[in-house]
Amino acid sequence: MQLASRFGHVNQIRRDRPLTREELMQVVPSVFGEDKHTSRSENYTWIPTITVLES
């Protein structure tokens, strides 16, 4: 039996092009959130992350 010489998660995200919306949904679904978290105050202005990424 051979022991692993390196530990960690292998990055499976492609780097040769921007990720598609579908790929983003799989990797970071929170980007597509539809409202601020309930722990945020009324003073907090929620801006959808996907809006920032697409602009």
C-alpha atoms as a PDB file:
ATOM      1  CA  MET A   1       0.000   0.000   0.000  1.00  0.00           C
ATOM      2  CA  GLN A   2       1.323   3.431  -0.961  1.00  0.00           C
ATOM      3  CA  LEU A   3       0.551   6.450   1.180  1.00  0.00           C
ATOM      4  CA  ALA A   4      -0.568   9.706  -0.369  1.00  0.00           C
ATOM      5  CA  SER A   5       2.215  12.249  -0.586  1.00  0.00           C
ATOM      6  CA  ARG A   6      -0.155  15.195  -1.064  1.00  0.00           C
ATOM      7  CA  PHE A   7      -3.477  15.972   0.481  1.00  0.00           C
ATOM      8  CA  GLY A   8      -6.083  18.393  -0.707  1.00  0.00           C
ATOM      9  CA  HIS A   9      -8.920  18.915  -3.105  1.00  0.00           C
ATOM     10  CA  VAL A  10      -8.043  18.820  -6.783  1.00  0.00           C
ATOM     11  CA  ASN A  11      -9.341  21.945  -8.501  1.00  0.00           C
ATOM     12  CA  GLN A  12     -11.656  20.801 -11.281  1.00  0.00           C
ATOM     13  CA  ILE A  13     -12.584  24.314 -12.477  1.00  0.00           C
ATOM     14  CA  ARG A  14     -11.577  25.069 -16.043  1.00  0.00           C
ATOM     15  CA  ARG A  15      -9.209  28.004 -16.443  1.00  0.00           C
ATOM     16  CA  ASP A  16      -9.033  28.377 -20.209  1.00  0.00           C
ATOM     17  CA  ARG A  17     -12.359  30.251 -20.441  1.00  0.00           C
ATOM     18  CA  PRO A  18     -14.934  31.925 -18.198  1.00  0.00           C
ATOM     19  CA  LEU A  19     -17.367  29.582 -16.469  1.00  0.00           C
ATOM     20  CA  THR A  20     -20.867  29.337 -17.901  1.00  0.00           C
ATOM     21  CA  ARG A  21     -23.916  30.139 -15.761  1.00  0.00           C
ATOM     22  CA  GLU A  22     -24.563  26.405 -15.417  1.00  0.00           C
ATOM     23  CA  GLU A  23     -21.008  25.741 -14.243  1.00  0.00           C
ATOM     24  CA  LEU A  24     -21.233  28.614 -11.766  1.00  0.00           C
ATOM     25  CA  MET A  25     -24.482  27.152 -10.424  1.00  0.00           C
ATOM     26  CA  GLN A  26     -22.714  23.851  -9.734  1.00  0.00           C
ATOM     27  CA  VAL A  27     -19.627  25.387  -8.112  1.00  0.00           C
ATOM     28  CA  VAL A  28     -21.008  28.456  -6.288  1.00  0.00           C
ATOM     29  CA  PRO A  29     -24.815  28.298  -6.065  1.00  0.00           C
ATOM     30  CA  SER A  30     -24.857  31.174  -3.549  1.00  0.00           C
ATOM     31  CA  VAL A  31     -24.023  33.540  -6.427  1.00  0.00           C
ATOM     32  CA  PHE A  32     -27.621  33.076  -7.569  1.00  0.00           C
ATOM     33  CA  GLY A  33     -29.225  33.931  -4.224  1.00  0.00           C
ATOM     34  CA  GLU A  34     -32.500  35.807  -4.528  1.00  0.00           C
ATOM     35  CA  ASP A  35     -32.557  37.754  -1.278  1.00  0.00           C
ATOM     36  CA  LYS A  36     -30.333  38.857   1.580  1.00  0.00           C
ATOM     37  CA  HIS A  37     -29.779  36.511   4.488  1.00  0.00           C
ATOM     38  CA  THR A  38     -32.245  36.909   7.347  1.00  0.00           C
ATOM     39  CA  SER A  39     -29.394  37.814   9.700  1.00  0.00           C
ATOM     40  CA  ARG A  40     -28.785  41.095   7.812  1.00  0.00           C
ATOM     41  CA  SER A  41     -30.241  44.354   9.090  1.00  0.00           C
ATOM     42  CA  GLU A  42     -32.634  46.608   7.201  1.00  0.00           C
ATOM     43  CA  ASN A  43     -29.683  48.960   6.570  1.00  0.00           C
ATOM     44  CA  TYR A  44     -27.966  46.310   4.468  1.00  0.00           C
ATOM     45  CA  THR A  45     -28.406  46.752   0.727  1.00  0.00           C
ATOM     46  CA  TRP A  46     -28.442  43.425  -1.049  1.00  0.00           C
ATOM     47  CA  ILE A  47     -26.942  43.304  -4.530  1.00  0.00           C
ATOM     48  CA  PRO A  48     -27.175  39.976  -6.374  1.00  0.00           C
ATOM     49  CA  THR A  49     -23.662  38.661  -6.984  1.00  0.00           C
ATOM     50  CA  ILE A  50     -24.609  37.381 -10.429  1.00  0.00           C
ATOM     51  CA  THR A  51     -25.615  40.945 -11.389  1.00  0.00           C
ATOM     52  CA  VAL A  52     -22.153  42.166 -10.425  1.00  0.00           C
ATOM     53  CA  LEU A  53     -20.473  39.340 -12.345  1.00  0.00           C
ATOM     54  CA  GLU A  54     -22.505  39.924 -15.493  1.00  0.00           C
ATOM     55  CA  SER A  55     -22.010  43.692 -15.602  1.00  0.00           C
END
